Each structure stands twice: as C-alpha cells, then as structure tokens.
C-alpha cells in the first residue's frame, strides 16, 4: 500500500454532480469525489433497489438514512440502519446491496482496503 497525502479540504456535496446507476431493480444516484488512492461517495438508493452485480471491492459503508441489506455470497444477510457502518477489504466476502425502503450511504473505498 502506498502512502497518499491528501491536504485538508471540505466537500460541498451540493456542488458534486449526480450520476445515475441502474440496478437489477431501482436506481442508485452517486455523488463521487476522487483523490489519490481514495474514492468518497454519497450513494442514494431508490425504493426496491437491488444491485445489478455482486461486488468484490472493499468498502467502508455508513448508513446516513434508510435501511440497507447486504447479502454475502455465502447467504448471510446484514442490515444497516441509520448510524450503522460495515467494513470489508477488497476480494473478501462478495456482497450484494438491497434496499426495500431506500437508503442514503456514505461510502469510502481505495487502496487502504487492499488485502495485505
């Protein structure tokens, strides 16, 4: 893992463009900022959202609003509600995001989650 220096800064999410991503059902709206070795996103999932893929990327996911169900490829399901967080490293525990009621998430990913 390489060391990246990110100087102090603020993010005005009101000025970050929104991109829309279709799920198997529903949509997710992403606001993304990219730094050297780090991606920071606000992701808002619609009601009845099911991701269109199993993700193997590492994340730190913090639930800001709503309810997120994360299904692991072994069948386990984990529920995040407002104020809860999950963490997983790259290449571990493939996961699928599902939200029946909709959810708003803060998601961090990048080099710091690569397996050692």
N, C-alpha and C. Protein backbone atom coordinates (compact mmCIF):
# COMPACT_ATOMS: atom_id res chain seq x y z
N UNK A 1 0.85 -1.17 0.00
CA UNK A 1 0.00 0.00 0.00
C UNK A 1 0.89 1.23 0.00
N UNK A 2 0.61 2.15 -0.88
CA UNK A 2 1.40 3.38 -0.94
C UNK A 2 0.75 4.45 -0.07
N UNK A 3 1.58 5.37 0.39
CA UNK A 3 1.08 6.46 1.21
C UNK A 3 0.68 7.61 0.31
N UNK A 4 -0.50 8.13 0.52
CA UNK A 4 -1.00 9.26 -0.26
C UNK A 4 -1.28 10.40 0.69
N UNK A 5 -0.89 11.58 0.31
CA UNK A 5 -1.11 12.76 1.13
C UNK A 5 -2.26 13.57 0.56
N UNK A 6 -3.30 13.71 1.33
CA UNK A 6 -4.46 14.50 0.93
C UNK A 6 -4.53 15.69 1.87
N UNK A 7 -4.36 16.90 1.35
CA UNK A 7 -4.41 18.08 2.21
C UNK A 7 -5.83 18.32 2.72
N UNK A 8 -5.95 19.08 3.80
CA UNK A 8 -7.25 19.41 4.36
C UNK A 8 -8.12 20.06 3.30
N UNK A 9 -9.35 19.63 3.25
CA UNK A 9 -10.33 20.22 2.34
C UNK A 9 -11.73 19.85 2.80
N UNK A 10 -12.69 20.57 2.31
CA UNK A 10 -14.09 20.27 2.58
C UNK A 10 -14.74 19.83 1.28
N UNK A 11 -15.83 19.12 1.40
CA UNK A 11 -16.61 18.71 0.23
C UNK A 11 -17.98 19.34 0.35
N UNK A 12 -18.34 20.16 -0.61
CA UNK A 12 -19.70 20.72 -0.69
C UNK A 12 -20.51 19.79 -1.57
N UNK A 13 -21.21 18.86 -0.95
CA UNK A 13 -21.96 17.85 -1.71
C UNK A 13 -23.00 18.48 -2.63
N UNK A 14 -23.44 19.70 -2.32
CA UNK A 14 -24.40 20.38 -3.20
C UNK A 14 -23.80 20.70 -4.56
N UNK A 15 -22.49 20.73 -4.66
CA UNK A 15 -21.86 21.07 -5.94
C UNK A 15 -21.28 19.85 -6.66
N UNK A 16 -21.41 18.66 -6.07
CA UNK A 16 -20.88 17.44 -6.70
C UNK A 16 -21.97 16.86 -7.61
N UNK A 17 -21.65 16.68 -8.90
CA UNK A 17 -22.65 16.16 -9.85
C UNK A 17 -23.18 14.78 -9.45
N UNK A 18 -24.40 14.52 -9.82
CA UNK A 18 -25.06 13.23 -9.57
C UNK A 18 -25.02 12.40 -10.84
N UNK A 19 -24.61 11.14 -10.69
CA UNK A 19 -24.71 10.19 -11.80
C UNK A 19 -25.67 9.09 -11.39
N UNK A 20 -26.44 8.60 -12.34
CA UNK A 20 -27.44 7.58 -12.04
C UNK A 20 -26.97 6.23 -12.53
N UNK A 21 -27.16 5.21 -11.69
CA UNK A 21 -26.73 3.85 -11.99
C UNK A 21 -27.92 2.92 -11.81
N UNK A 22 -28.28 2.23 -12.89
CA UNK A 22 -29.40 1.30 -12.86
C UNK A 22 -29.01 0.04 -12.09
N UNK A 23 -29.91 -0.44 -11.27
CA UNK A 23 -29.72 -1.71 -10.60
C UNK A 23 -30.49 -2.79 -11.33
N UNK A 24 -30.47 -4.00 -10.80
CA UNK A 24 -31.35 -5.05 -11.33
C UNK A 24 -32.78 -4.56 -11.23
N UNK A 25 -33.07 -3.88 -10.11
CA UNK A 25 -34.31 -3.12 -9.99
C UNK A 25 -33.96 -1.83 -9.26
N UNK A 26 -34.66 -0.77 -9.57
CA UNK A 26 -34.40 0.52 -8.96
C UNK A 26 -33.13 1.18 -9.49
N UNK A 27 -32.80 2.31 -8.90
CA UNK A 27 -31.62 3.06 -9.32
C UNK A 27 -30.84 3.54 -8.10
N UNK A 28 -29.59 3.86 -8.33
CA UNK A 28 -28.75 4.47 -7.30
C UNK A 28 -28.15 5.74 -7.88
N UNK A 29 -28.24 6.82 -7.13
CA UNK A 29 -27.63 8.08 -7.54
C UNK A 29 -26.35 8.26 -6.74
N UNK A 30 -25.25 8.49 -7.48
CA UNK A 30 -23.94 8.63 -6.87
C UNK A 30 -23.46 10.06 -7.00
N UNK A 31 -22.86 10.56 -5.94
CA UNK A 31 -22.06 11.79 -5.98
C UNK A 31 -20.67 11.34 -5.56
N UNK A 32 -19.70 11.52 -6.44
CA UNK A 32 -18.38 10.93 -6.25
C UNK A 32 -17.28 11.97 -6.27
N UNK A 33 -16.38 11.88 -5.30
CA UNK A 33 -15.14 12.65 -5.31
C UNK A 33 -13.99 11.66 -5.29
N UNK A 34 -12.97 11.94 -6.08
CA UNK A 34 -11.85 11.02 -6.23
C UNK A 34 -10.55 11.71 -5.83
N UNK A 35 -9.77 11.03 -5.02
CA UNK A 35 -8.46 11.51 -4.60
C UNK A 35 -7.46 10.41 -4.90
N UNK A 36 -6.21 10.69 -4.74
CA UNK A 36 -5.18 9.69 -4.97
C UNK A 36 -5.33 8.55 -3.96
N UNK A 37 -5.76 7.39 -4.44
CA UNK A 37 -5.92 6.23 -3.57
C UNK A 37 -7.19 6.19 -2.74
N UNK A 38 -8.11 7.13 -2.97
CA UNK A 38 -9.34 7.19 -2.17
C UNK A 38 -10.50 7.71 -2.99
N UNK A 39 -11.63 7.00 -2.92
CA UNK A 39 -12.88 7.47 -3.52
C UNK A 39 -13.88 7.66 -2.39
N UNK A 40 -14.57 8.81 -2.40
CA UNK A 40 -15.58 9.13 -1.40
C UNK A 40 -16.89 9.38 -2.14
N UNK A 41 -17.95 8.69 -1.72
CA UNK A 41 -19.24 8.83 -2.41
C UNK A 41 -20.39 8.97 -1.42
N UNK A 42 -21.39 9.73 -1.84
CA UNK A 42 -22.72 9.67 -1.25
C UNK A 42 -23.56 8.90 -2.27
N UNK A 43 -24.18 7.83 -1.84
CA UNK A 43 -25.00 7.00 -2.73
C UNK A 43 -26.41 6.95 -2.16
N UNK A 44 -27.37 7.31 -3.00
CA UNK A 44 -28.77 7.26 -2.59
C UNK A 44 -29.48 6.22 -3.44
N UNK A 45 -29.98 5.18 -2.77
CA UNK A 45 -30.67 4.07 -3.44
C UNK A 45 -32.17 4.30 -3.39
N UNK A 46 -32.82 4.02 -4.50
CA UNK A 46 -34.28 4.15 -4.55
C UNK A 46 -34.94 3.03 -3.77
N UNK A 47 -36.24 3.16 -3.57
CA UNK A 47 -37.01 2.05 -3.01
C UNK A 47 -36.89 0.87 -3.94
N UNK A 48 -36.92 -0.33 -3.38
CA UNK A 48 -36.87 -1.58 -4.13
C UNK A 48 -35.61 -1.71 -4.98
N UNK A 49 -34.49 -1.17 -4.47
CA UNK A 49 -33.21 -1.25 -5.18
C UNK A 49 -32.55 -2.60 -4.93
N UNK A 50 -32.08 -3.22 -6.02
CA UNK A 50 -31.23 -4.40 -5.95
C UNK A 50 -30.08 -4.14 -6.92
N UNK A 51 -28.84 -4.24 -6.43
CA UNK A 51 -27.68 -4.00 -7.29
C UNK A 51 -27.68 -4.99 -8.45
N UNK A 52 -27.05 -4.59 -9.54
CA UNK A 52 -27.00 -5.43 -10.73
C UNK A 52 -25.77 -6.35 -10.75
N UNK A 53 -25.00 -6.39 -9.66
CA UNK A 53 -23.80 -7.22 -9.62
C UNK A 53 -23.41 -7.55 -8.18
N UNK A 54 -22.66 -8.63 -8.04
CA UNK A 54 -22.03 -8.98 -6.77
C UNK A 54 -20.70 -8.24 -6.74
N UNK A 55 -20.48 -7.48 -5.70
CA UNK A 55 -19.28 -6.65 -5.60
C UNK A 55 -18.22 -7.36 -4.77
N UNK A 56 -16.97 -7.31 -5.24
CA UNK A 56 -15.84 -7.89 -4.51
C UNK A 56 -14.89 -6.80 -4.02
N UNK A 57 -15.27 -5.54 -4.23
CA UNK A 57 -14.43 -4.41 -3.84
C UNK A 57 -14.61 -4.14 -2.35
N UNK A 58 -13.56 -3.69 -1.71
CA UNK A 58 -13.64 -3.31 -0.30
C UNK A 58 -14.30 -1.95 -0.14
N UNK A 59 -15.00 -1.78 0.96
CA UNK A 59 -15.68 -0.52 1.26
C UNK A 59 -15.74 -0.29 2.76
N UNK A 60 -15.91 0.96 3.12
CA UNK A 60 -16.44 1.36 4.42
C UNK A 60 -17.77 2.02 4.07
N UNK A 61 -18.86 1.44 4.54
CA UNK A 61 -20.20 1.92 4.20
C UNK A 61 -20.89 2.37 5.48
N UNK A 62 -21.31 3.64 5.50
CA UNK A 62 -22.00 4.20 6.66
C UNK A 62 -23.40 4.63 6.21
N UNK A 63 -24.41 4.15 6.92
CA UNK A 63 -25.80 4.45 6.57
C UNK A 63 -26.21 5.80 7.18
N UNK A 64 -26.54 6.73 6.30
CA UNK A 64 -26.98 8.06 6.73
C UNK A 64 -28.50 8.12 6.93
N UNK A 65 -29.22 7.38 6.10
CA UNK A 65 -30.70 7.35 6.16
C UNK A 65 -31.18 6.02 5.60
N UNK A 66 -32.34 5.58 6.01
CA UNK A 66 -32.98 4.41 5.44
C UNK A 66 -32.41 3.10 5.96
N UNK A 67 -32.59 2.05 5.15
CA UNK A 67 -32.17 0.69 5.53
C UNK A 67 -31.49 0.04 4.33
N UNK A 68 -30.30 -0.52 4.57
CA UNK A 68 -29.56 -1.27 3.56
C UNK A 68 -29.41 -2.70 4.03
N UNK A 69 -29.77 -3.64 3.18
CA UNK A 69 -29.50 -5.05 3.43
C UNK A 69 -28.34 -5.45 2.53
N UNK A 70 -27.32 -6.04 3.12
CA UNK A 70 -26.18 -6.53 2.36
C UNK A 70 -26.17 -8.04 2.46
N UNK A 71 -26.29 -8.69 1.30
CA UNK A 71 -26.26 -10.15 1.26
C UNK A 71 -24.87 -10.58 0.84
N UNK A 72 -24.28 -11.50 1.60
CA UNK A 72 -22.98 -12.06 1.25
C UNK A 72 -23.16 -13.28 0.37
N UNK A 73 -22.12 -13.64 -0.38
CA UNK A 73 -22.24 -14.77 -1.29
C UNK A 73 -22.41 -16.10 -0.58
N UNK A 74 -22.22 -16.15 0.74
CA UNK A 74 -22.48 -17.37 1.50
C UNK A 74 -23.92 -17.45 2.00
N UNK A 75 -24.74 -16.43 1.63
CA UNK A 75 -26.14 -16.41 2.01
C UNK A 75 -26.46 -15.54 3.21
N UNK A 76 -25.44 -15.16 4.00
CA UNK A 76 -25.70 -14.30 5.16
C UNK A 76 -26.25 -12.96 4.71
N UNK A 77 -27.13 -12.39 5.55
CA UNK A 77 -27.67 -11.05 5.30
C UNK A 77 -27.39 -10.18 6.52
N UNK A 78 -26.96 -8.95 6.24
CA UNK A 78 -26.66 -7.99 7.30
C UNK A 78 -27.44 -6.72 7.02
N UNK A 79 -28.05 -6.16 8.04
CA UNK A 79 -28.89 -4.97 7.87
C UNK A 79 -28.22 -3.78 8.54
N UNK A 80 -28.10 -2.69 7.76
CA UNK A 80 -27.62 -1.42 8.29
C UNK A 80 -28.79 -0.46 8.37
N UNK A 81 -28.92 0.21 9.49
CA UNK A 81 -29.88 1.30 9.64
C UNK A 81 -29.09 2.56 9.97
N UNK A 82 -29.76 3.67 10.01
CA UNK A 82 -29.12 4.97 10.25
C UNK A 82 -28.13 4.88 11.41
N UNK A 83 -26.89 5.32 11.13
CA UNK A 83 -25.86 5.34 12.15
C UNK A 83 -24.98 4.11 12.21
N UNK A 84 -25.29 3.08 11.41
CA UNK A 84 -24.50 1.85 11.40
C UNK A 84 -23.52 1.85 10.23
N UNK A 85 -22.43 1.07 10.37
CA UNK A 85 -21.37 1.01 9.38
C UNK A 85 -20.94 -0.43 9.16
N UNK A 86 -20.56 -0.77 7.92
CA UNK A 86 -19.86 -2.03 7.69
C UNK A 86 -18.54 -1.76 6.99
N UNK A 87 -17.60 -2.69 7.18
CA UNK A 87 -16.27 -2.59 6.60
C UNK A 87 -15.91 -3.96 6.02
N UNK A 88 -15.32 -3.96 4.79
CA UNK A 88 -14.83 -5.20 4.18
C UNK A 88 -13.64 -4.84 3.29
N UNK A 89 -12.65 -5.71 3.24
CA UNK A 89 -11.48 -5.50 2.38
C UNK A 89 -11.74 -6.02 0.96
N UNK A 90 -10.94 -5.53 0.01
CA UNK A 90 -11.01 -5.99 -1.38
C UNK A 90 -10.88 -7.52 -1.43
N UNK A 91 -11.68 -8.14 -2.30
CA UNK A 91 -11.55 -9.56 -2.56
C UNK A 91 -12.09 -10.48 -1.47
N UNK A 92 -12.69 -9.92 -0.44
CA UNK A 92 -13.25 -10.75 0.63
C UNK A 92 -14.76 -10.57 0.66
N UNK A 93 -15.47 -11.64 0.86
CA UNK A 93 -16.91 -11.57 1.08
C UNK A 93 -17.66 -10.77 0.01
N UNK A 94 -17.78 -11.36 -1.17
CA UNK A 94 -18.58 -10.73 -2.22
C UNK A 94 -19.95 -10.39 -1.65
N UNK A 95 -20.47 -9.22 -2.04
CA UNK A 95 -21.69 -8.73 -1.42
C UNK A 95 -22.61 -8.08 -2.46
N UNK A 96 -23.90 -8.11 -2.14
CA UNK A 96 -24.96 -7.57 -3.00
C UNK A 96 -25.78 -6.60 -2.15
N UNK A 97 -25.98 -5.38 -2.68
CA UNK A 97 -26.73 -4.36 -1.95
C UNK A 97 -28.20 -4.38 -2.34
N UNK A 98 -29.06 -4.31 -1.31
CA UNK A 98 -30.50 -4.36 -1.49
C UNK A 98 -31.13 -3.33 -0.56
N UNK A 99 -32.11 -2.57 -1.05
CA UNK A 99 -32.84 -1.67 -0.16
C UNK A 99 -34.30 -1.62 -0.58
N UNK A 100 -35.15 -2.14 0.28
CA UNK A 100 -36.59 -2.11 0.01
C UNK A 100 -37.19 -0.73 0.21
N UNK A 101 -36.69 0.00 1.21
CA UNK A 101 -37.28 1.30 1.55
C UNK A 101 -36.49 2.47 1.00
N UNK A 102 -35.28 2.20 0.46
CA UNK A 102 -34.37 3.25 0.03
C UNK A 102 -33.35 3.49 1.12
N UNK A 103 -32.18 3.99 0.72
CA UNK A 103 -31.11 4.26 1.68
C UNK A 103 -30.19 5.33 1.14
N UNK A 104 -29.59 6.08 2.05
CA UNK A 104 -28.57 7.07 1.70
C UNK A 104 -27.32 6.68 2.47
N UNK A 105 -26.21 6.53 1.74
CA UNK A 105 -24.99 5.98 2.32
C UNK A 105 -23.80 6.89 2.05
N UNK A 106 -22.84 6.89 2.95
CA UNK A 106 -21.51 7.46 2.73
C UNK A 106 -20.59 6.26 2.53
N UNK A 107 -19.91 6.21 1.38
CA UNK A 107 -19.07 5.05 1.06
C UNK A 107 -17.65 5.51 0.77
N UNK A 108 -16.69 4.88 1.44
CA UNK A 108 -15.27 5.13 1.22
C UNK A 108 -14.64 3.86 0.68
N UNK A 109 -13.81 3.97 -0.34
CA UNK A 109 -13.04 2.83 -0.78
C UNK A 109 -11.74 3.33 -1.39
N UNK A 110 -10.79 2.43 -1.51
CA UNK A 110 -9.49 2.81 -2.06
C UNK A 110 -8.41 1.86 -1.64
N UNK A 111 -7.18 2.29 -1.87
CA UNK A 111 -6.01 1.44 -1.65
C UNK A 111 -5.88 0.93 -0.23
N UNK A 112 -6.38 1.67 0.74
CA UNK A 112 -6.25 1.26 2.14
C UNK A 112 -7.01 -0.03 2.44
N UNK A 113 -7.89 -0.48 1.54
CA UNK A 113 -8.67 -1.70 1.74
C UNK A 113 -8.13 -2.89 0.96
N UNK A 114 -6.99 -2.71 0.29
CA UNK A 114 -6.39 -3.82 -0.45
C UNK A 114 -5.89 -4.86 0.55
N UNK A 115 -6.03 -6.14 0.18
CA UNK A 115 -5.55 -7.20 1.05
C UNK A 115 -4.03 -7.15 1.13
N UNK A 116 -3.50 -7.44 2.29
CA UNK A 116 -2.05 -7.43 2.52
C UNK A 116 -1.48 -8.81 2.31
